[in-house]
Amino acid sequence: MNKLETSIGALKLKNPVMTASGTFGYGEEYSKFIDLNRLGAVVVKGISLNPMEGNPVPRIYETPSGMLNAIGLQNVGLKVFIEEKLPFLRRFDTKVIVNILGNTVEEYVELARHLEEAAVDAIELNVSCPNVKKGGIAFGTDLSAMGGLVEQVRAATRIPIITKLSPNAGNIAEFARVAENAGSDAVSLINTLLGLAIDPQTRRPRLANITGGLSGPAIRPIAVRMVWEVFRKVKIPIIGMGGIMDSDNAIEFILAGATAVAVGTANFVQPDACERIVDGLECYVDENGLHSIREIVGGMII
């Protein structure tokens, strides 16, 4: 029996550890440092119908206990991803989840259809990136628009849908409930918090985009709190993320209600962070006499 096995809807994972979109490239970039077979899933960086160049540089800045980024969803586009990136990931016994983004509902629907034909395991709807001025974030901050988007994508594909929620949109639990009612199989949270850093010497912003998304340990208590809030409002699985650096951090999210976790900023610090976290979860399960990691989902004692 695999004590770490878990499920995101119909998606069966060998363990609850996956990569956070935008922090792990397309998987191949990290394959020299980590055994991709050890992961529950690889979530690739956001894919749009056509290639995107992203924001001008500088677009990453290290902050105390975290980092600001304003990459702007740079990616190779759908065609190149399917033809050149996906075949590499097919070498591994690990689920492939593709984060998708668009400026219109029709673009999301087209992406979903093509990716289902390409036999990816699930899609994650990016409706929460704070670093672009149009597109996904417009859906992620409007309950009605997000619900309509999820409904249309749900009607267009049979593969599992995960909706990635924004902490910048108000009551995140309400957005999770709308996503659930619209047909999302799971929600992932949180995306980055909007932040700003200024150089005292030049008096200019550290990022060319001015603002960026704050990630890393600095946001973890906020993310854990939001996972806990959402867990009490929805029945679908939650993928928790936000500053997970080790297995104790991952367990914190699981106790708050996450069925799985996604590791992001830690990959920049320790490229093998995900594998270390899987090892730590295995030890935790054994040391605590658990039959399954699922026993502690939402198990915080109050």
C-alpha atoms as a PDB file:
ATOM      1  CA  MET A   1       0.000   0.000   0.000  1.00  0.00           C
ATOM      2  CA  ASN A   2       1.236   3.454  -0.939  1.00  0.00           C
ATOM      3  CA  LYS A   3       0.547   5.509   2.176  1.00  0.00           C
ATOM      4  CA  LEU A   4       1.087   8.794   0.314  1.00  0.00           C
ATOM      5  CA  GLU A   5      -1.398   8.087  -2.484  1.00  0.00           C
ATOM      6  CA  THR A   6      -4.118  10.692  -2.874  1.00  0.00           C
ATOM      7  CA  SER A   7      -6.688  11.901  -5.413  1.00  0.00           C
ATOM      8  CA  ILE A   8      -7.677  15.194  -6.982  1.00  0.00           C
ATOM      9  CA  GLY A   9     -11.104  14.277  -8.256  1.00  0.00           C
ATOM     10  CA  ALA A  10     -10.574  11.472 -10.746  1.00  0.00           C
ATOM     11  CA  LEU A  11      -6.847  12.211 -10.875  1.00  0.00           C
ATOM     12  CA  LYS A  12      -4.881   9.635  -8.866  1.00  0.00           C
ATOM     13  CA  LEU A  13      -1.527  10.803  -7.506  1.00  0.00           C
ATOM     14  CA  LYS A  14       1.226   8.595  -6.061  1.00  0.00           C
ATOM     15  CA  ASN A  15       1.847  11.333  -3.473  1.00  0.00           C
ATOM     16  CA  PRO A  16       0.467  14.803  -2.729  1.00  0.00           C
ATOM     17  CA  VAL A  17       3.554  16.771  -3.810  1.00  0.00           C
ATOM     18  CA  MET A  18       3.470  18.693  -7.073  1.00  0.00           C
ATOM     19  CA  THR A  19       5.289  21.681  -8.500  1.00  0.00           C
ATOM     20  CA  ALA A  20       3.739  25.139  -8.605  1.00  0.00           C
ATOM     21  CA  SER A  21       3.199  26.519 -12.078  1.00  0.00           C
ATOM     22  CA  GLY A  22       5.791  29.039 -13.177  1.00  0.00           C
ATOM     23  CA  THR A  23       8.491  27.798 -10.805  1.00  0.00           C
ATOM     24  CA  PHE A  24       9.557  24.553 -12.485  1.00  0.00           C
ATOM     25  CA  GLY A  25       9.708  25.442 -16.165  1.00  0.00           C
ATOM     26  CA  TYR A  26       8.468  22.544 -18.276  1.00  0.00           C
ATOM     27  CA  GLY A  27      10.054  19.913 -16.033  1.00  0.00           C
ATOM     28  CA  GLU A  28      13.097  19.190 -18.163  1.00  0.00           C
ATOM     29  CA  GLU A  29      14.976  22.139 -16.662  1.00  0.00           C
ATOM     30  CA  TYR A  30      14.944  20.453 -13.236  1.00  0.00           C
ATOM     31  CA  SER A  31      15.422  16.855 -14.346  1.00  0.00           C
ATOM     32  CA  LYS A  32      19.187  17.033 -13.657  1.00  0.00           C
ATOM     33  CA  PHE A  33      18.527  17.813 -10.006  1.00  0.00           C
ATOM     34  CA  ILE A  34      15.477  15.729  -9.149  1.00  0.00           C
ATOM     35  CA  ASP A  35      13.908  12.398 -10.108  1.00  0.00           C
ATOM     36  CA  LEU A  36      10.643  13.470 -11.712  1.00  0.00           C
ATOM     37  CA  ASN A  37       9.260   9.988 -11.051  1.00  0.00           C
ATOM     38  CA  ARG A  38       9.201  10.846  -7.340  1.00  0.00           C
ATOM     39  CA  LEU A  39       6.641  13.628  -7.780  1.00  0.00           C
ATOM     40  CA  GLY A  40       2.886  13.330  -7.572  1.00  0.00           C
ATOM     41  CA  ALA A  41       2.547  15.702 -10.527  1.00  0.00           C
ATOM     42  CA  VAL A  42       4.463  18.233 -12.566  1.00  0.00           C
ATOM     43  CA  VAL A  43       2.517  21.434 -13.117  1.00  0.00           C
ATOM     44  CA  VAL A  44       4.158  23.246 -16.020  1.00  0.00           C
ATOM     45  CA  LYS A  45       4.391  26.999 -16.437  1.00  0.00           C
ATOM     46  CA  GLY A  46       1.339  28.713 -17.885  1.00  0.00           C
ATOM     47  CA  ILE A  47       0.577  27.989 -21.544  1.00  0.00           C
ATOM     48  CA  SER A  48      -1.243  30.355 -23.903  1.00  0.00           C
ATOM     49  CA  LEU A  49      -2.425  29.700 -27.458  1.00  0.00           C
ATOM     50  CA  ASN A  50       0.439  31.743 -28.892  1.00  0.00           C
ATOM     51  CA  PRO A  51       3.944  32.369 -27.481  1.00  0.00           C
ATOM     52  CA  MET A  52       4.318  35.243 -25.023  1.00  0.00           C
ATOM     53  CA  GLU A  53       7.486  37.227 -24.299  1.00  0.00           C
ATOM     54  CA  GLY A  54       6.434  38.335 -20.836  1.00  0.00           C
ATOM     55  CA  ASN A  55       7.325  41.559 -19.057  1.00  0.00           C
ATOM     56  CA  PRO A  56      10.541  43.572 -19.481  1.00  0.00           C
ATOM     57  CA  VAL A  57      13.468  43.004 -17.109  1.00  0.00           C
ATOM     58  CA  PRO A  58      14.230  43.226 -14.249  1.00  0.00           C
ATOM     59  CA  ARG A  59      11.375  40.942 -13.305  1.00  0.00           C
ATOM     60  CA  ILE A  60      12.575  39.022 -10.231  1.00  0.00           C
ATOM     61  CA  TYR A  61      13.690  40.537  -6.930  1.00  0.00           C
ATOM     62  CA  GLU A  62      14.566  38.705  -3.717  1.00  0.00           C
ATOM     63  CA  THR A  63      12.771  39.937  -0.611  1.00  0.00           C
ATOM     64  CA  PRO A  64      13.048  38.978   3.075  1.00  0.00           C
ATOM     65  CA  SER A  65      11.746  35.385   3.250  1.00  0.00           C
ATOM     66  CA  GLY A  66      10.528  35.440  -0.316  1.00  0.00           C
ATOM     67  CA  MET A  67      10.677  36.921  -3.768  1.00  0.00           C
ATOM     68  CA  LEU A  68       8.804  39.295  -6.022  1.00  0.00           C
ATOM     69  CA  ASN A  69       8.277  38.244  -9.616  1.00  0.00           C
ATOM     70  CA  ALA A  70       6.684  39.884 -12.605  1.00  0.00           C
ATOM     71  CA  ILE A  71       7.586  37.405 -15.339  1.00  0.00           C
ATOM     72  CA  GLY A  72       4.368  38.186 -17.165  1.00  0.00           C
ATOM     73  CA  LEU A  73       3.523  34.605 -18.201  1.00  0.00           C
ATOM     74  CA  GLN A  74       6.320  34.188 -20.731  1.00  0.00           C
ATOM     75  CA  ASN A  75       5.816  30.837 -22.483  1.00  0.00           C
ATOM     76  CA  VAL A  76       6.417  28.922 -25.710  1.00  0.00           C
ATOM     77  CA  GLY A  77       2.764  28.659 -26.719  1.00  0.00           C
ATOM     78  CA  LEU A  78       0.496  25.648 -27.179  1.00  0.00           C
ATOM     79  CA  LYS A  79       1.969  24.223 -30.397  1.00  0.00           C
ATOM     80  CA  VAL A  80       5.578  24.175 -29.208  1.00  0.00           C
ATOM     81  CA  PHE A  81       4.545  22.826 -25.813  1.00  0.00           C
ATOM     82  CA  ILE A  82       2.703  19.849 -27.301  1.00  0.00           C
ATOM     83  CA  GLU A  83       5.321  19.096 -29.942  1.00  0.00           C
ATOM     84  CA  GLU A  84       8.555  19.797 -28.057  1.00  0.00           C
ATOM     85  CA  LYS A  85       7.954  19.916 -24.270  1.00  0.00           C
ATOM     86  CA  LEU A  86       5.274  17.319 -23.576  1.00  0.00           C
ATOM     87  CA  PRO A  87       7.156  14.343 -25.124  1.00  0.00           C
ATOM     88  CA  PHE A  88       9.922  14.708 -22.524  1.00  0.00           C
ATOM     89  CA  LEU A  89       7.426  14.605 -19.655  1.00  0.00           C
ATOM     90  CA  ARG A  90       5.895  11.451 -21.119  1.00  0.00           C
ATOM     91  CA  ARG A  91       9.084   9.567 -20.190  1.00  0.00           C
ATOM     92  CA  PHE A  92       8.106   9.664 -16.538  1.00  0.00           C
ATOM     93  CA  ASP A  93       5.487   7.933 -14.440  1.00  0.00           C
ATOM     94  CA  THR A  94       4.231  11.238 -13.101  1.00  0.00           C
ATOM     95  CA  LYS A  95       1.022  13.098 -13.862  1.00  0.00           C
ATOM     96  CA  VAL A  96       1.244  16.176 -16.077  1.00  0.00           C
ATOM     97  CA  ILE A  97      -0.943  19.157 -15.247  1.00  0.00           C
ATOM     98  CA  VAL A  98      -0.941  22.121 -17.615  1.00  0.00           C
ATOM     99  CA  ASN A  99      -1.673  25.617 -16.363  1.00  0.00           C
ATOM    100  CA  ILE A 100      -3.564  27.532 -19.067  1.00  0.00           C
ATOM    101  CA  LEU A 101      -4.298  31.208 -19.618  1.00  0.00           C
ATOM    102  CA  GLY A 102      -6.142  33.347 -22.092  1.00  0.00           C
ATOM    103  CA  ASN A 103      -7.666  36.740 -22.735  1.00  0.00           C
ATOM    104  CA  THR A 104     -11.097  35.323 -23.622  1.00  0.00           C
ATOM    105  CA  VAL A 105     -13.263  32.372 -22.638  1.00  0.00           C
ATOM    106  CA  GLU A 106     -12.851  31.039 -26.160  1.00  0.00           C
ATOM    107  CA  GLU A 107      -9.071  30.897 -25.769  1.00  0.00           C
ATOM    108  CA  TYR A 108      -9.349  28.874 -22.550  1.00  0.00           C
ATOM    109  CA  VAL A 109     -11.814  26.497 -24.226  1.00  0.00           C
ATOM    110  CA  GLU A 110      -9.561  25.984 -27.244  1.00  0.00           C
ATOM    111  CA  LEU A 111      -6.558  25.312 -25.023  1.00  0.00           C
ATOM    112  CA  ALA A 112      -8.528  22.788 -22.973  1.00  0.00           C
ATOM    113  CA  ARG A 113      -9.699  20.909 -26.061  1.00  0.00           C
ATOM    114  CA  HIS A 114      -6.237  20.676 -27.594  1.00  0.00           C
ATOM    115  CA  LEU A 115      -4.650  19.577 -24.324  1.00  0.00           C
ATOM    116  CA  GLU A 116      -7.267  16.881 -23.830  1.00  0.00           C
ATOM    117  CA  GLU A 117      -6.444  15.611 -27.333  1.00  0.00           C
ATOM    118  CA  ALA A 118      -2.772  15.635 -26.297  1.00  0.00           C
ATOM    119  CA  ALA A 119      -3.729  13.425 -23.316  1.00  0.00           C
ATOM    120  CA  VAL A 120      -2.466  15.610 -20.502  1.00  0.00           C
ATOM    121  CA  ASP A 121      -3.768  14.490 -17.113  1.00  0.00           C
ATOM    122  CA  ALA A 122      -5.429  17.723 -15.951  1.00  0.00           C
ATOM    123  CA  ILE A 123      -5.559  21.445 -16.587  1.00  0.00           C
ATOM    124  CA  GLU A 124      -5.213  24.302 -14.129  1.00  0.00           C
ATOM    125  CA  LEU A 125      -7.107  27.476 -15.010  1.00  0.00           C
ATOM    126  CA  ASN A 126      -4.885  30.475 -14.367  1.00  0.00           C
ATOM    127  CA  VAL A 127      -7.361  33.178 -13.376  1.00  0.00           C
ATOM    128  CA  SER A 128      -5.155  34.779 -10.750  1.00  0.00           C
ATOM    129  CA  CYS A 129      -1.805  36.004 -12.081  1.00  0.00           C
ATOM    130  CA  PRO A 130      -1.292  39.580 -10.797  1.00  0.00           C
ATOM    131  CA  ASN A 131       1.472  40.412 -13.270  1.00  0.00           C
ATOM    132  CA  VAL A 132      -0.468  40.957 -16.494  1.00  0.00           C
ATOM    133  CA  LYS A 133      -2.832  43.811 -17.241  1.00  0.00           C
ATOM    134  CA  LYS A 134      -5.542  41.758 -18.948  1.00  0.00           C
ATOM    135  CA  GLY A 135      -6.788  38.215 -19.349  1.00  0.00           C
ATOM    136  CA  GLY A 136      -6.965  35.701 -16.533  1.00  0.00           C
ATOM    137  CA  ILE A 137      -6.934  38.083 -13.595  1.00  0.00           C
ATOM    138  CA  ALA A 138     -10.074  39.726 -15.018  1.00  0.00           C
ATOM    139  CA  PHE A 139     -11.847  36.393 -14.514  1.00  0.00           C
ATOM    140  CA  GLY A 140     -10.256  35.706 -11.136  1.00  0.00           C
ATOM    141  CA  THR A 141     -11.526  38.900  -9.507  1.00  0.00           C
ATOM    142  CA  ASP A 142     -15.119  38.667 -10.754  1.00  0.00           C
ATOM    143  CA  LEU A 143     -17.312  35.900  -9.341  1.00  0.00           C
ATOM    144  CA  SER A 144     -19.699  35.809 -12.282  1.00  0.00           C
ATOM    145  CA  ALA A 145     -16.972  35.916 -14.918  1.00  0.00           C
ATOM    146  CA  MET A 146     -14.985  33.161 -13.225  1.00  0.00           C
ATOM    147  CA  GLY A 147     -18.048  30.963 -12.842  1.00  0.00           C
ATOM    148  CA  GLY A 148     -18.911  31.391 -16.505  1.00  0.00           C
ATOM    149  CA  LEU A 149     -15.362  30.558 -17.545  1.00  0.00           C
ATOM    150  CA  VAL A 150     -15.259  27.366 -15.487  1.00  0.00           C
ATOM    151  CA  GLU A 151     -18.666  26.292 -16.836  1.00  0.00           C
ATOM    152  CA  GLN A 152     -17.592  26.713 -20.446  1.00  0.00           C
ATOM    153  CA  VAL A 153     -14.282  24.911 -19.979  1.00  0.00           C
ATOM    154  CA  ARG A 154     -16.083  22.139 -18.092  1.00  0.00           C
ATOM    155  CA  ALA A 155     -18.450  21.701 -21.030  1.00  0.00           C
ATOM    156  CA  ALA A 156     -15.513  21.504 -23.431  1.00  0.00           C
ATOM    157  CA  THR A 157     -13.395  18.824 -21.777  1.00  0.00           C
ATOM    158  CA  ARG A 158     -13.657  15.644 -19.700  1.00  0.00           C
ATOM    159  CA  ILE A 159     -10.238  15.860 -18.043  1.00  0.00           C
ATOM    160  CA  PRO A 160      -9.998  17.223 -14.479  1.00  0.00           C
ATOM    161  CA  ILE A 161     -10.129  20.994 -14.056  1.00  0.00           C
ATOM    162  CA  ILE A 162      -8.328  22.818 -11.248  1.00  0.00           C
ATOM    163  CA  THR A 163      -9.091  26.508 -10.727  1.00  0.00           C
ATOM    164  CA  LYS A 164      -6.196  28.536  -9.329  1.00  0.00           C
ATOM    165  CA  LEU A 165      -7.487  31.240  -7.003  1.00  0.00           C
ATOM    166  CA  SER A 166      -6.159  34.703  -6.219  1.00  0.00           C
ATOM    167  CA  PRO A 167      -5.574  36.024  -2.681  1.00  0.00           C
ATOM    168  CA  ASN A 168      -6.025  39.520  -4.120  1.00  0.00           C
ATOM    169  CA  ALA A 169      -9.718  39.083  -4.978  1.00  0.00           C
ATOM    170  CA  GLY A 170     -11.522  39.480  -1.674  1.00  0.00           C
ATOM    171  CA  ASN A 171     -13.316  36.518  -0.099  1.00  0.00           C
ATOM    172  CA  ILE A 172     -11.362  33.587  -1.522  1.00  0.00           C
ATOM    173  CA  ALA A 173     -13.750  31.027  -0.031  1.00  0.00           C
ATOM    174  CA  GLU A 174     -16.605  32.531  -2.017  1.00  0.00           C
ATOM    175  CA  PHE A 175     -14.581  32.238  -5.226  1.00  0.00           C
ATOM    176  CA  ALA A 176     -13.823  28.612  -4.371  1.00  0.00           C
ATOM    177  CA  ARG A 177     -17.522  27.884  -3.901  1.00  0.00           C
ATOM    178  CA  VAL A 178     -18.375  29.469  -7.256  1.00  0.00           C
ATOM    179  CA  ALA A 179     -15.671  27.397  -8.963  1.00  0.00           C
ATOM    180  CA  GLU A 180     -17.043  24.251  -7.325  1.00  0.00           C
ATOM    181  CA  ASN A 181     -20.612  24.995  -8.397  1.00  0.00           C
ATOM    182  CA  ALA A 182     -19.454  25.725 -11.941  1.00  0.00           C
ATOM    183  CA  GLY A 183     -17.851  22.275 -12.270  1.00  0.00           C
ATOM    184  CA  SER A 184     -14.243  22.645 -11.165  1.00  0.00           C
ATOM    185  CA  ASP A 185     -12.853  19.354  -9.850  1.00  0.00           C
ATOM    186  CA  ALA A 186     -10.494  21.126  -7.429  1.00  0.00           C
ATOM    187  CA  VAL A 187      -9.118  24.522  -6.474  1.00  0.00           C
ATOM    188  CA  SER A 188      -5.503  25.523  -5.960  1.00  0.00           C
ATOM    189  CA  LEU A 189      -4.495  28.364  -3.677  1.00  0.00           C
ATOM    190  CA  ILE A 190      -2.927  30.710  -3.214  1.00  0.00           C
ATOM    191  CA  ASN A 191      -1.366  32.495  -6.133  1.00  0.00           C
ATOM    192  CA  THR A 192       1.032  35.299  -5.256  1.00  0.00           C
ATOM    193  CA  LEU A 193       0.153  38.418  -3.275  1.00  0.00           C
ATOM    194  CA  LEU A 194       0.632  41.751  -5.012  1.00  0.00           C
ATOM    195  CA  GLY A 195       3.731  43.556  -3.714  1.00  0.00           C
ATOM    196  CA  LEU A 196       6.139  46.384  -4.417  1.00  0.00           C
ATOM    197  CA  ALA A 197       9.828  46.971  -3.643  1.00  0.00           C
ATOM    198  CA  ILE A 198      11.682  50.278  -4.146  1.00  0.00           C
ATOM    199  CA  ASP A 199      15.420  50.954  -4.415  1.00  0.00           C
ATOM    200  CA  PRO A 200      16.205  53.750  -1.879  1.00  0.00           C
ATOM    201  CA  GLN A 201      19.233  54.894  -3.901  1.00  0.00           C
ATOM    202  CA  THR A 202      17.574  55.272  -7.298  1.00  0.00           C
ATOM    203  CA  ARG A 203      14.073  55.776  -5.843  1.00  0.00           C
ATOM    204  CA  ARG A 204      12.813  53.527  -8.583  1.00  0.00           C
ATOM    205  CA  PRO A 205      10.844  50.279  -8.306  1.00  0.00           C
ATOM    206  CA  ARG A 206      12.947  47.099  -8.240  1.00  0.00           C
ATOM    207  CA  LEU A 207      10.824  45.574 -11.004  1.00  0.00           C
ATOM    208  CA  ALA A 208      10.255  47.035 -14.460  1.00  0.00           C
ATOM    209  CA  ASN A 209       6.580  46.142 -14.075  1.00  0.00           C
ATOM    210  CA  ILE A 210       6.565  48.228 -10.839  1.00  0.00           C
ATOM    211  CA  THR A 211       4.556  45.654  -8.880  1.00  0.00           C
ATOM    212  CA  GLY A 212       4.997  41.894  -8.728  1.00  0.00           C
ATOM    213  CA  GLY A 213       3.723  38.753  -7.099  1.00  0.00           C
ATOM    214  CA  LEU A 214       5.109  38.023  -3.640  1.00  0.00           C
ATOM    215  CA  SER A 215       5.823  34.363  -2.871  1.00  0.00           C
ATOM    216  CA  GLY A 216       7.867  32.362  -0.386  1.00  0.00           C
ATOM    217  CA  PRO A 217       7.773  31.749   3.393  1.00  0.00           C
ATOM    218  CA  ALA A 218       6.636  35.321   4.068  1.00  0.00           C
ATOM    219  CA  ILE A 219       3.158  34.529   2.731  1.00  0.00           C
ATOM    220  CA  ARG A 220       2.779  31.027   4.209  1.00  0.00           C
ATOM    221  CA  PRO A 221       0.614  31.927   7.248  1.00  0.00           C
ATOM    222  CA  ILE A 222      -1.761  33.809   4.952  1.00  0.00           C
ATOM    223  CA  ALA A 223      -1.929  30.872   2.537  1.00  0.00           C
ATOM    224  CA  VAL A 224      -2.549  28.348   5.318  1.00  0.00           C
ATOM    225  CA  ARG A 225      -5.342  30.523   6.699  1.00  0.00           C
ATOM    226  CA  MET A 226      -6.988  30.767   3.281  1.00  0.00           C
ATOM    227  CA  VAL A 227      -6.769  27.002   2.726  1.00  0.00           C
ATOM    228  CA  TRP A 228      -8.473  26.504   6.095  1.00  0.00           C
ATOM    229  CA  GLU A 229     -11.216  28.986   5.172  1.00  0.00           C
ATOM    230  CA  VAL A 230     -11.836  27.336   1.811  1.00  0.00           C
ATOM    231  CA  PHE A 231     -11.827  23.819   3.323  1.00  0.00           C
ATOM    232  CA  ARG A 232     -14.811  24.768   5.456  1.00  0.00           C
ATOM    233  CA  LYS A 233     -16.785  26.006   2.440  1.00  0.00           C
ATOM    234  CA  VAL A 234     -16.252  23.453  -0.347  1.00  0.00           C
ATOM    235  CA  LYS A 235     -16.264  19.693  -0.794  1.00  0.00           C
ATOM    236  CA  ILE A 236     -13.853  19.491  -3.728  1.00  0.00           C
ATOM    237  CA  PRO A 237     -10.128  18.887  -3.106  1.00  0.00           C
ATOM    238  CA  ILE A 238      -7.782  21.760  -2.356  1.00  0.00           C
ATOM    239  CA  ILE A 239      -4.186  22.068  -3.549  1.00  0.00           C
ATOM    240  CA  GLY A 240      -2.377  24.272  -1.037  1.00  0.00           C
ATOM    241  CA  MET A 241       0.641  26.411  -1.860  1.00  0.00           C
ATOM    242  CA  GLY A 242       2.496  29.438  -0.600  1.00  0.00           C
ATOM    243  CA  GLY A 243       5.955  29.302   0.936  1.00  0.00           C
ATOM    244  CA  ILE A 244       6.286  25.524   1.353  1.00  0.00           C
ATOM    245  CA  MET A 245       9.984  24.878   1.996  1.00  0.00           C
ATOM    246  CA  ASP A 246       9.975  21.501   3.757  1.00  0.00           C
ATOM    247  CA  SER A 247       7.734  18.608   4.763  1.00  0.00           C
ATOM    248  CA  ASP A 248       6.603  20.293   7.987  1.00  0.00           C
ATOM    249  CA  ASN A 249       5.287  23.193   5.927  1.00  0.00           C
ATOM    250  CA  ALA A 250       3.488  20.748   3.619  1.00  0.00           C
ATOM    251  CA  ILE A 251       1.896  18.996   6.602  1.00  0.00           C
ATOM    252  CA  GLU A 252       0.706  22.351   7.899  1.00  0.00           C
ATOM    253  CA  PHE A 253      -1.266  22.864   4.676  1.00  0.00           C
ATOM    254  CA  ILE A 254      -2.651  19.326   4.780  1.00  0.00           C
ATOM    255  CA  LEU A 255      -3.828  19.788   8.378  1.00  0.00           C
ATOM    256  CA  ALA A 256      -5.548  23.000   7.259  1.00  0.00           C
ATOM    257  CA  GLY A 257      -7.464  21.071   4.596  1.00  0.00           C
ATOM    258  CA  ALA A 258      -5.249  20.565   1.544  1.00  0.00           C
ATOM    259  CA  THR A 259      -5.437  17.214  -0.225  1.00  0.00           C
ATOM    260  CA  ALA A 260      -2.223  18.014  -2.107  1.00  0.00           C
ATOM    261  CA  VAL A 261       0.446  20.709  -2.043  1.00  0.00           C
ATOM    262  CA  ALA A 262       2.417  22.604  -4.662  1.00  0.00           C
ATOM    263  CA  VAL A 263       5.998  23.747  -4.131  1.00  0.00           C
ATOM    264  CA  GLY A 264       7.149  26.944  -5.809  1.00  0.00           C
ATOM    265  CA  THR A 265       9.761  29.372  -4.486  1.00  0.00           C
ATOM    266  CA  ALA A 266      11.641  26.548  -2.730  1.00  0.00           C
ATOM    267  CA  ASN A 267      12.626  25.209  -6.164  1.00  0.00           C
ATOM    268  CA  PHE A 268      14.780  28.298  -6.700  1.00  0.00           C
ATOM    269  CA  VAL A 269      16.607  27.746  -3.424  1.00  0.00           C
ATOM    270  CA  GLN A 270      16.856  23.938  -3.425  1.00  0.00           C
ATOM    271  CA  PRO A 271      16.181  22.385  -6.836  1.00  0.00           C
ATOM    272  CA  ASP A 272      15.484  19.028  -5.181  1.00  0.00           C
ATOM    273  CA  ALA A 273      13.048  20.514  -2.643  1.00  0.00           C
ATOM    274  CA  CYS A 274      10.059  18.521  -3.889  1.00  0.00           C
ATOM    275  CA  GLU A 275      11.881  15.213  -3.532  1.00  0.00           C
ATOM    276  CA  ARG A 276      13.003  16.131  -0.024  1.00  0.00           C
ATOM    277  CA  ILE A 277       9.414  16.935   0.902  1.00  0.00           C
ATOM    278  CA  VAL A 278       8.191  13.557  -0.378  1.00  0.00           C
ATOM    279  CA  ASP A 279      10.844  11.879   1.776  1.00  0.00           C
ATOM    280  CA  GLY A 280       9.742  13.913   4.789  1.00  0.00           C
ATOM    281  CA  LEU A 281       6.083  13.019   4.297  1.00  0.00           C
ATOM    282  CA  GLU A 282       6.988   9.327   4.160  1.00  0.00           C
ATOM    283  CA  CYS A 283       8.791   9.645   7.487  1.00  0.00           C
ATOM    284  CA  TYR A 284       5.900  11.556   9.052  1.00  0.00           C
ATOM    285  CA  VAL A 285       3.346   8.924   8.038  1.00  0.00           C
ATOM    286  CA  ASP A 286       5.484   6.102   9.427  1.00  0.00           C
ATOM    287  CA  GLU A 287       6.457   7.894  12.641  1.00  0.00           C
ATOM    288  CA  ASN A 288       2.826   8.745  13.400  1.00  0.00           C
ATOM    289  CA  GLY A 289       1.451   5.289  12.609  1.00  0.00           C
ATOM    290  CA  LEU A 290      -0.794   6.511   9.807  1.00  0.00           C
ATOM    291  CA  HIS A 291      -2.252   4.173   7.211  1.00  0.00           C
ATOM    292  CA  SER A 292      -2.597   7.056   4.751  1.00  0.00           C
ATOM    293  CA  ILE A 293      -1.626  10.718   4.496  1.00  0.00           C
ATOM    294  CA  ARG A 294      -5.315  11.337   3.769  1.00  0.00           C
ATOM    295  CA  GLU A 295      -6.125  10.657   7.411  1.00  0.00           C
ATOM    296  CA  ILE A 296      -4.827  14.093   8.429  1.00  0.00           C
ATOM    297  CA  VAL A 297      -6.472  16.219   5.710  1.00  0.00           C
ATOM    298  CA  GLY A 298      -8.258  18.975   7.607  1.00  0.00           C
ATOM    299  CA  GLY A 299      -7.054  17.419  10.853  1.00  0.00           C
ATOM    300  CA  MET A 300      -6.087  20.582  12.708  1.00  0.00           C
ATOM    301  CA  ILE A 301      -7.150  20.274  16.344  1.00  0.00           C
ATOM    302  CA  ILE A 302      -8.850  23.362  17.795  1.00  0.00           C
END
